[in-house]
Amino acid sequence: MNNSYWLKNVRLECGYKNENNRVSGTITDQFHLLIEDGCIAKITKDLEASSDNLHIKDAKGLLLLPSFVEKHVHLDKTYMGDKWRACIPASGVIERCEIEKNALLSMPSNTYQRSKALLKQLISYGSTHIRTHVDIYPEVQLQNLAEVQQTLEEFSNYASSEIVAFAQHGLLRSGTPQLLREAIRNGAGIVGAVDPATVDNNIEASLVQLMDIAVEGDADIDLHLHDPGHLGTFTMKRLAFLTKEAGWEGRVAISHAFGLGDVSRAEAYEMAEILKDARISIVTSLPTGRVIPPVDLLSECGVEVAVGNDNIFDSWWPTGNGDILERAGRLIERYRWTDEKSLSQAFRYITGGRTPLDQKGNQIWPAPGDEASMVLVDASCSAEAMARRAERCAVFCKGNLVYEKKYESIVI
């Protein structure tokens, strides 16, 4: 699929307009991009296609942005592709897990069919890299993993991926650690657990077990931590200590991390320094109605932060459509990031840190040699695209055109 071609008439950002020492807008211009072997080989003002006889795709002046990175989704849990059903109320995580197990077992569709439906939705909204958690527990063994892997393999030219072998029902549950080890041996590159205090009832034993499995299998870690306040921050401190002790810096993420939003600003700064020192990243789904990690403070301190959708139409939550740009829009509303520069820079939370312009307005993306994973949107600049949740007109993964709006479907 990686044929060479020209993508002409692409609108790129070149810098910020400044008036009275303030950013007042964004400068853009049209360029032509040569795509070769899945990468951007050349960016030019003069179309050279007449001399090389390559195929030409016309962007028609649409704005080009980096494609999106979905850092938190559950392909195995979704009801997408099956009939509508709302959530059944639950008293807590343990009861919710039991309800979910029974609901998934009762469905006529299988995990492969539902995960495929959701993945296609994610791609259509511009995500070309997916981190999915897959529940691993004794009742299902590795069945969910196998079916999600089948989906991801089928769409490997449409999106890259990483799988978290996830102990949703408790890491210390009998038989689960061995299943997680088996999942790692069978292709999951990340190991995950949830709330060592309230689910496993033993913070130290749970975290040590998690780290042992990761080190033994050379896997990264993604811990889901909903526990509030100082219970949450104490768990993070212990994880940071174990991370440094194992030499696992840069390989650990904490999803949710609600405790960071419950403590004082001074305590949050202290925790941010600990996280930065251990190079632990934070992934937030920006849920409404509760305190979230202080994204602004974490970013200021140099902690890597990403946004993910988390649950999309499943037993845990009935809403969601897979649009990570829409989800990121909650950031600008929460922090009142309403100026041109703040809107533009917010893209870093859904692109793996890639933005067209740096903080000073220097053009840094795209550049020759960059992977040609990108999105054409109907917007004048990235600030407008963020504020207005711009329509995705075309999506490219490593140079492959994988979605076009005019066809309203994945390009097969």
Protein backbone atom coordinates (compact mmCIF):
# COMPACT_ATOMS: atom_id res chain seq x y z
CA MET A 1 0.00 0.00 0.00
CA ASN A 2 2.96 2.36 0.51
CA ASN A 3 3.18 3.62 -3.06
CA SER A 4 4.96 6.91 -3.68
CA TYR A 5 2.77 9.85 -4.58
CA TRP A 6 2.41 13.62 -4.35
CA LEU A 7 -0.07 15.19 -1.96
CA LYS A 8 -0.57 18.63 -3.48
CA ASN A 9 -2.18 21.85 -2.25
CA VAL A 10 -1.72 21.07 1.44
CA ARG A 11 -2.18 23.93 3.92
CA LEU A 12 0.56 24.01 6.56
CA GLU A 13 1.16 26.30 9.51
CA CYS A 14 4.30 28.46 9.22
CA GLY A 15 4.23 30.62 12.36
CA TYR A 16 2.17 32.82 14.65
CA LYS A 17 1.09 36.35 13.81
CA ASN A 18 2.12 38.80 16.50
CA GLU A 19 0.65 42.20 17.31
CA ASN A 20 1.76 44.25 20.31
CA ASN A 21 3.83 41.28 21.55
CA ARG A 22 0.78 39.02 21.56
CA VAL A 23 -0.14 36.12 19.32
CA SER A 24 -3.02 37.33 17.18
CA GLY A 25 -3.35 34.55 14.63
CA THR A 26 -1.57 31.83 12.65
CA ILE A 27 0.31 32.15 9.37
CA THR A 28 -0.37 29.36 6.86
CA ASP A 29 0.62 28.63 3.28
CA GLN A 30 0.09 25.92 0.67
CA PHE A 31 2.73 23.29 -0.09
CA HIS A 32 3.13 19.99 -1.92
CA LEU A 33 4.33 16.87 -0.11
CA LEU A 34 6.13 13.91 -1.65
CA ILE A 35 5.20 10.71 0.17
CA GLU A 36 7.60 7.75 -0.11
CA ASP A 37 7.72 4.50 1.86
CA GLY A 38 5.26 5.76 4.46
CA CYS A 39 7.20 8.95 5.18
CA ILE A 40 7.22 12.57 4.07
CA ALA A 41 10.18 12.69 1.70
CA LYS A 42 9.93 16.29 0.51
CA ILE A 43 8.00 19.49 1.20
CA THR A 44 8.06 22.01 -1.61
CA LYS A 45 6.28 25.03 -3.08
CA ASP A 46 6.93 23.79 -6.63
CA LEU A 47 5.12 20.65 -7.71
CA GLU A 48 7.62 18.35 -9.42
CA ALA A 49 5.14 15.63 -10.37
CA SER A 50 5.41 16.42 -14.08
CA SER A 51 8.94 15.00 -14.10
CA ASP A 52 8.46 11.84 -12.03
CA ASN A 53 5.10 10.50 -13.26
CA LEU A 54 3.90 9.77 -9.72
CA HIS A 55 0.26 9.65 -8.76
CA ILE A 56 -1.14 12.95 -7.42
CA LYS A 57 -3.68 13.39 -4.63
CA ASP A 58 -5.19 16.87 -4.26
CA ALA A 59 -5.72 18.18 -0.71
CA LYS A 60 -7.56 21.21 -2.14
CA GLY A 61 -6.18 23.60 0.46
CA LEU A 62 -7.26 21.59 3.51
CA LEU A 63 -5.17 21.95 6.67
CA LEU A 64 -2.78 19.11 7.46
CA LEU A 65 -2.30 18.03 11.09
CA PRO A 66 -0.51 15.12 12.75
CA SER A 67 -2.83 12.13 13.12
CA PHE A 68 -4.04 11.32 16.60
CA VAL A 69 -2.85 8.90 19.27
CA GLU A 70 -5.57 7.17 21.29
CA LYS A 71 -3.83 6.34 24.58
CA HIS A 72 -6.71 4.74 26.48
CA VAL A 73 -9.50 2.66 25.01
CA HIS A 74 -11.06 -0.76 25.68
CA LEU A 75 -11.71 -2.51 22.38
CA ASP A 76 -12.75 -5.70 24.16
CA LYS A 77 -15.46 -4.08 26.32
CA THR A 78 -17.39 -2.04 23.78
CA TYR A 79 -20.98 -2.76 22.72
CA MET A 80 -20.29 -1.00 19.40
CA GLY A 81 -21.78 -2.99 16.55
CA ASP A 82 -24.33 -4.63 18.83
CA LYS A 83 -27.80 -3.46 19.86
CA TRP A 84 -28.34 -0.47 22.14
CA ARG A 85 -28.31 -1.02 25.89
CA ALA A 86 -27.81 1.41 28.76
CA CYS A 87 -25.68 0.77 31.83
CA ILE A 88 -26.98 -1.21 34.80
CA PRO A 89 -26.37 0.70 38.07
CA ALA A 90 -23.61 -0.70 40.29
CA SER A 91 -22.48 0.06 43.84
CA GLY A 92 -18.77 -0.05 42.99
CA VAL A 93 -15.98 -1.42 40.80
CA ILE A 94 -16.35 -5.02 41.98
CA GLU A 95 -20.08 -5.18 41.22
CA ARG A 96 -19.52 -3.35 37.95
CA CYS A 97 -17.04 -6.01 36.85
CA GLU A 98 -19.54 -8.78 37.60
CA ILE A 99 -22.27 -6.99 35.64
CA GLU A 100 -19.88 -6.51 32.74
CA LYS A 101 -18.84 -10.17 32.62
CA ASN A 102 -22.45 -11.30 32.44
CA ALA A 103 -23.41 -8.69 29.85
CA LEU A 104 -20.57 -9.59 27.48
CA LEU A 105 -21.28 -13.30 27.79
CA SER A 106 -24.94 -12.74 26.87
CA MET A 107 -24.25 -10.87 23.62
CA PRO A 108 -24.82 -12.50 20.23
CA SER A 109 -21.80 -10.66 18.78
CA ASN A 110 -18.25 -11.60 19.73
CA THR A 111 -15.26 -9.52 20.85
CA TYR A 112 -13.73 -9.53 17.37
CA GLN A 113 -16.89 -8.10 15.76
CA ARG A 114 -17.38 -5.39 18.37
CA SER A 115 -13.71 -4.39 18.56
CA LYS A 116 -13.62 -4.09 14.78
CA ALA A 117 -16.64 -1.75 14.80
CA LEU A 118 -15.02 0.53 17.38
CA LEU A 119 -11.60 0.51 15.73
CA LYS A 120 -13.08 1.64 12.42
CA GLN A 121 -14.79 4.48 14.29
CA LEU A 122 -11.53 5.55 15.94
CA ILE A 123 -9.71 5.59 12.59
CA SER A 124 -12.45 7.63 10.93
CA TYR A 125 -11.94 10.35 13.56
CA GLY A 126 -8.19 10.52 12.89
CA SER A 127 -6.57 8.13 15.36
CA THR A 128 -3.83 6.04 13.72
CA HIS A 129 -2.22 4.69 16.89
CA ILE A 130 -4.27 2.87 19.49
CA ARG A 131 -3.42 1.72 23.02
CA THR A 132 -6.11 -0.74 24.01
CA HIS A 133 -6.55 -2.48 27.32
CA VAL A 134 -7.75 -6.07 27.18
CA ASP A 135 -9.22 -7.73 30.27
CA ILE A 136 -7.41 -10.87 31.38
CA TYR A 137 -9.13 -13.00 34.04
CA PRO A 138 -9.66 -16.71 34.75
CA GLU A 139 -13.17 -16.95 33.30
CA VAL A 140 -12.11 -15.83 29.80
CA GLN A 141 -8.40 -16.75 29.90
CA LEU A 142 -6.80 -15.13 26.78
CA GLN A 143 -9.88 -15.23 24.53
CA ASN A 144 -10.38 -11.45 24.54
CA LEU A 145 -6.70 -10.96 23.73
CA ALA A 146 -6.84 -13.32 20.77
CA GLU A 147 -9.91 -11.65 19.25
CA VAL A 148 -8.59 -8.10 19.73
CA GLN A 149 -5.29 -9.18 18.18
CA GLN A 150 -7.23 -10.52 15.20
CA THR A 151 -8.86 -7.10 14.74
CA LEU A 152 -5.60 -5.18 15.09
CA GLU A 153 -3.77 -7.47 12.69
CA GLU A 154 -6.52 -7.08 10.10
CA PHE A 155 -6.20 -3.30 10.34
CA SER A 156 -2.43 -3.10 10.82
CA ASN A 157 -2.08 -0.92 7.70
CA TYR A 158 -4.71 1.46 9.07
CA ALA A 159 -3.43 1.97 12.61
CA SER A 160 -0.47 0.92 14.71
CA SER A 161 -1.31 -0.42 18.13
CA GLU A 162 -0.18 -1.58 21.55
CA ILE A 163 -2.03 -3.91 23.90
CA VAL A 164 -2.25 -3.76 27.68
CA ALA A 165 -2.87 -7.12 29.36
CA PHE A 166 -5.22 -5.69 31.97
CA ALA A 167 -6.14 -7.22 35.34
CA GLN A 168 -9.45 -5.34 35.58
CA HIS A 169 -10.84 -7.82 38.13
CA GLY A 170 -7.82 -7.71 40.44
CA LEU A 171 -4.15 -8.53 39.98
CA LEU A 172 -3.81 -10.65 43.11
CA ARG A 173 -6.76 -12.86 42.21
CA SER A 174 -5.82 -16.53 42.03
CA GLY A 175 -4.53 -17.46 38.59
CA THR A 176 -4.41 -13.89 37.20
CA PRO A 177 -0.64 -13.22 37.51
CA GLN A 178 0.14 -16.34 35.51
CA LEU A 179 -2.43 -15.40 32.86
CA LEU A 180 -0.84 -11.95 32.55
CA ARG A 181 2.55 -13.54 32.05
CA GLU A 182 1.06 -15.74 29.37
CA ALA A 183 -0.56 -12.71 27.72
CA ILE A 184 2.82 -10.96 27.59
CA ARG A 185 4.36 -14.04 25.99
CA ASN A 186 1.51 -14.01 23.47
CA GLY A 187 2.07 -10.47 22.24
CA ALA A 188 0.77 -7.96 24.80
CA GLY A 189 3.55 -5.42 25.32
CA ILE A 190 2.15 -3.71 28.41
CA VAL A 191 0.84 -5.03 31.73
CA GLY A 192 -1.88 -3.23 33.67
CA ALA A 193 -3.75 -3.39 36.95
CA VAL A 194 -6.30 -1.30 38.80
CA ASP A 195 -6.51 0.33 42.26
CA PRO A 196 -4.07 -1.73 44.37
CA ALA A 197 -5.73 -0.47 47.56
CA THR A 198 -9.44 -0.83 46.88
CA VAL A 199 -9.46 -3.72 44.40
CA ASP A 200 -6.48 -5.81 45.53
CA ASN A 201 -6.62 -4.59 49.17
CA ASN A 202 -2.82 -4.61 49.34
CA ILE A 203 -0.92 -1.72 47.76
CA GLU A 204 2.58 -3.10 48.22
CA ALA A 205 1.88 -6.68 47.16
CA SER A 206 -0.07 -5.53 44.10
CA LEU A 207 2.56 -3.04 42.92
CA VAL A 208 5.45 -5.44 43.50
CA GLN A 209 3.62 -8.16 41.57
CA LEU A 210 2.90 -5.72 38.74
CA MET A 211 6.54 -4.66 38.50
CA ASP A 212 7.78 -8.24 38.70
CA ILE A 213 5.58 -9.28 35.77
CA ALA A 214 6.70 -6.24 33.75
CA VAL A 215 10.42 -6.82 34.34
CA GLU A 216 10.17 -10.55 33.76
CA GLY A 217 8.37 -10.04 30.45
CA ASP A 218 10.20 -6.83 29.43
CA ALA A 219 6.81 -5.09 29.31
CA ASP A 220 5.71 -1.53 30.02
CA ILE A 221 3.16 -0.72 32.76
CA ASP A 222 -0.18 1.11 32.70
CA LEU A 223 -1.81 1.31 36.13
CA HIS A 224 -5.43 2.48 36.38
CA LEU A 225 -5.64 4.47 39.58
CA HIS A 226 -9.04 5.85 40.58
CA ASP A 227 -8.29 6.00 44.32
CA PRO A 228 -8.74 9.57 45.57
CA GLY A 229 -6.61 11.98 47.58
CA HIS A 230 -3.70 10.79 49.66
CA LEU A 231 -4.55 7.13 49.09
CA GLY A 232 -3.97 7.77 45.40
CA THR A 233 -0.83 9.86 45.81
CA PHE A 234 0.70 7.37 48.27
CA THR A 235 0.17 4.62 45.68
CA MET A 236 1.86 6.81 43.05
CA LYS A 237 4.85 7.42 45.32
CA ARG A 238 5.30 3.69 45.88
CA LEU A 239 5.00 3.01 42.14
CA ALA A 240 7.58 5.74 41.43
CA PHE A 241 9.97 4.17 43.95
CA LEU A 242 9.56 0.71 42.42
CA THR A 243 9.94 2.17 38.92
CA LYS A 244 13.32 3.68 39.73
CA GLU A 245 14.43 0.63 41.67
CA ALA A 246 13.72 -1.57 38.63
CA GLY A 247 15.22 0.89 36.14
CA TRP A 248 11.82 1.17 34.45
CA GLU A 249 11.88 4.97 33.99
CA GLY A 250 9.97 6.05 30.88
CA ARG A 251 8.05 2.78 30.72
CA VAL A 252 5.26 3.45 33.21
CA ALA A 253 1.95 5.28 32.82
CA ILE A 254 -0.80 6.02 35.33
CA SER A 255 -4.29 6.33 33.90
CA HIS A 256 -6.87 8.52 35.66
CA ALA A 257 -4.68 9.52 38.64
CA PHE A 258 -7.62 11.29 40.26
CA GLY A 259 -5.69 11.67 43.51
CA LEU A 260 -3.52 14.36 41.92
CA GLY A 261 -6.58 16.55 41.56
CA ASP A 262 -7.75 16.04 45.13
CA VAL A 263 -4.65 17.27 46.97
CA SER A 264 -3.43 20.83 47.44
CA ARG A 265 -1.56 22.62 44.67
CA ALA A 266 1.66 22.40 46.69
CA GLU A 267 1.25 18.64 47.13
CA ALA A 268 0.47 18.28 43.43
CA TYR A 269 3.74 20.08 42.58
CA GLU A 270 5.62 17.71 44.89
CA MET A 271 4.01 14.71 43.20
CA ALA A 272 4.74 16.14 39.74
CA GLU A 273 8.44 16.28 40.58
CA ILE A 274 8.36 12.66 41.75
CA LEU A 275 6.58 11.58 38.56
CA LYS A 276 8.98 13.55 36.38
CA ASP A 277 11.99 12.04 38.14
CA ALA A 278 10.65 8.52 37.47
CA ARG A 279 9.50 9.56 33.98
CA ILE A 280 5.99 8.31 34.69
CA SER A 281 3.36 9.65 32.30
CA ILE A 282 -0.28 10.45 33.06
CA VAL A 283 -3.26 9.54 30.86
CA THR A 284 -6.58 11.26 31.54
CA SER A 285 -9.97 10.71 29.97
CA LEU A 286 -11.22 14.08 31.30
CA PRO A 287 -14.43 12.73 32.84
CA THR A 288 -17.04 15.34 33.64
CA GLY A 289 -18.38 15.70 37.14
CA ARG A 290 -15.20 14.92 39.07
CA VAL A 291 -11.75 16.34 39.78
CA ILE A 292 -9.05 15.36 37.28
CA PRO A 293 -5.25 15.54 37.42
CA PRO A 294 -4.01 19.15 37.02
CA VAL A 295 -2.94 18.90 33.38
CA ASP A 296 -1.61 22.46 33.32
CA LEU A 297 0.57 21.94 36.39
CA LEU A 298 1.86 18.55 35.22
CA SER A 299 2.79 19.96 31.81
CA GLU A 300 4.50 22.94 33.41
CA CYS A 301 6.62 20.53 35.49
CA GLY A 302 7.58 18.44 32.47
CA VAL A 303 5.38 15.40 33.13
CA GLU A 304 4.13 13.80 29.92
CA VAL A 305 0.32 13.94 29.74
CA ALA A 306 -2.00 12.34 27.19
CA VAL A 307 -5.75 12.27 26.69
CA GLY A 308 -7.72 9.11 25.93
CA ASN A 309 -11.39 8.28 25.44
CA ASP A 310 -11.50 5.35 27.88
CA ASN A 311 -14.92 3.67 27.89
CA ILE A 312 -16.97 4.06 24.71
CA PHE A 313 -20.53 2.66 24.81
CA ASP A 314 -20.00 -0.25 27.16
CA SER A 315 -21.03 -1.58 30.56
CA TRP A 316 -19.21 1.26 32.31
CA TRP A 317 -20.41 4.22 30.25
CA PRO A 318 -23.16 4.51 27.60
CA THR A 319 -21.82 7.51 25.64
CA GLY A 320 -18.78 8.21 23.47
CA ASN A 321 -18.11 8.08 19.75
CA GLY A 322 -14.33 7.63 19.58
CA ASP A 323 -13.54 11.23 18.59
CA ILE A 324 -10.38 12.07 20.54
CA LEU A 325 -10.41 15.65 19.20
CA GLU A 326 -13.82 16.14 20.77
CA ARG A 327 -12.51 14.70 24.03
CA ALA A 328 -9.48 17.04 23.99
CA GLY A 329 -11.90 19.92 23.60
CA ARG A 330 -12.81 19.42 27.24
CA LEU A 331 -9.33 20.65 28.16
CA ILE A 332 -9.81 24.06 26.59
CA GLU A 333 -13.17 24.41 28.32
CA ARG A 334 -11.85 23.33 31.73
CA TYR A 335 -8.75 25.55 31.62
CA ARG A 336 -10.25 28.35 29.53
CA TRP A 337 -7.54 27.99 26.89
CA THR A 338 -9.21 30.39 24.49
CA ASP A 339 -6.30 32.21 22.82
CA GLU A 340 -4.74 31.16 19.50
CA LYS A 341 -1.54 29.74 20.93
CA SER A 342 -3.14 27.76 23.76
CA LEU A 343 -5.69 26.22 21.40
CA SER A 344 -2.97 25.22 18.96
CA GLN A 345 -0.63 23.78 21.59
CA ALA A 346 -3.44 21.63 23.07
CA PHE A 347 -2.96 19.21 20.17
CA ARG A 348 0.13 17.79 21.90
CA TYR A 349 -2.14 15.87 24.28
CA ILE A 350 -3.66 13.78 21.47
CA THR A 351 -0.76 13.49 18.99
CA GLY A 352 2.02 12.04 21.10
CA GLY A 353 3.43 15.54 21.58
CA ARG A 354 3.48 16.58 17.92
CA THR A 355 2.28 20.10 17.08
CA PRO A 356 2.77 22.06 13.84
CA LEU A 357 4.39 24.96 15.74
CA ASP A 358 6.45 25.06 18.90
CA GLN A 359 5.78 27.43 21.78
CA LYS A 360 7.77 30.18 20.05
CA GLY A 361 5.93 29.78 16.76
CA ASN A 362 8.67 27.91 14.88
CA GLN A 363 7.41 25.40 12.32
CA ILE A 364 8.41 21.92 13.55
CA TRP A 365 5.89 19.59 11.89
CA PRO A 366 5.88 18.23 9.29
CA ALA A 367 9.52 17.81 8.34
CA PRO A 368 11.19 15.59 5.73
CA GLY A 369 11.63 12.13 7.22
CA ASP A 370 8.54 12.32 9.43
CA GLU A 371 6.13 9.42 9.29
CA ALA A 372 3.23 10.29 6.98
CA SER A 373 0.53 9.66 9.58
CA MET A 374 -1.65 12.73 9.27
CA VAL A 375 -5.15 14.16 9.01
CA LEU A 376 -6.64 16.65 6.57
CA VAL A 377 -9.20 18.85 8.31
CA ASP A 378 -11.57 21.58 7.21
CA ALA A 379 -10.10 24.48 9.21
CA SER A 380 -7.97 27.55 8.61
CA CYS A 381 -5.49 26.66 11.39
CA SER A 382 -4.99 24.23 14.25
CA ALA A 383 -6.49 26.66 16.77
CA GLU A 384 -9.74 26.67 14.82
CA ALA A 385 -9.57 22.89 14.40
CA MET A 386 -9.32 22.44 18.18
CA ALA A 387 -11.94 25.01 19.08
CA ARG A 388 -14.45 23.91 16.44
CA ARG A 389 -13.62 20.16 16.48
CA ALA A 390 -12.99 20.40 12.73
CA GLU A 391 -14.33 17.80 10.34
CA ARG A 392 -11.84 15.09 9.44
CA CYS A 393 -11.83 14.92 5.63
CA ALA A 394 -9.05 12.36 5.12
CA VAL A 395 -6.85 10.22 7.34
CA PHE A 396 -3.43 8.79 6.42
CA CYS A 397 -1.50 6.10 8.29
CA LYS A 398 2.15 5.79 7.25
CA GLY A 399 1.28 7.23 3.87
CA ASN A 400 -1.77 5.01 3.33
CA LEU A 401 -5.06 6.81 2.75
CA VAL A 402 -7.23 4.95 5.28
CA TYR A 403 -10.33 7.16 5.48
CA GLU A 404 -12.06 9.69 3.24
CA LYS A 405 -15.06 11.67 4.41
CA LYS A 406 -16.61 11.80 0.95
CA TYR A 407 -17.04 8.03 1.07
CA GLU A 408 -18.13 8.09 4.74
CA SER A 409 -16.08 4.95 5.34
CA ILE A 410 -12.74 3.34 5.84
CA VAL A 411 -10.87 3.07 2.54
CA ILE A 412 -10.43 -0.64 1.76
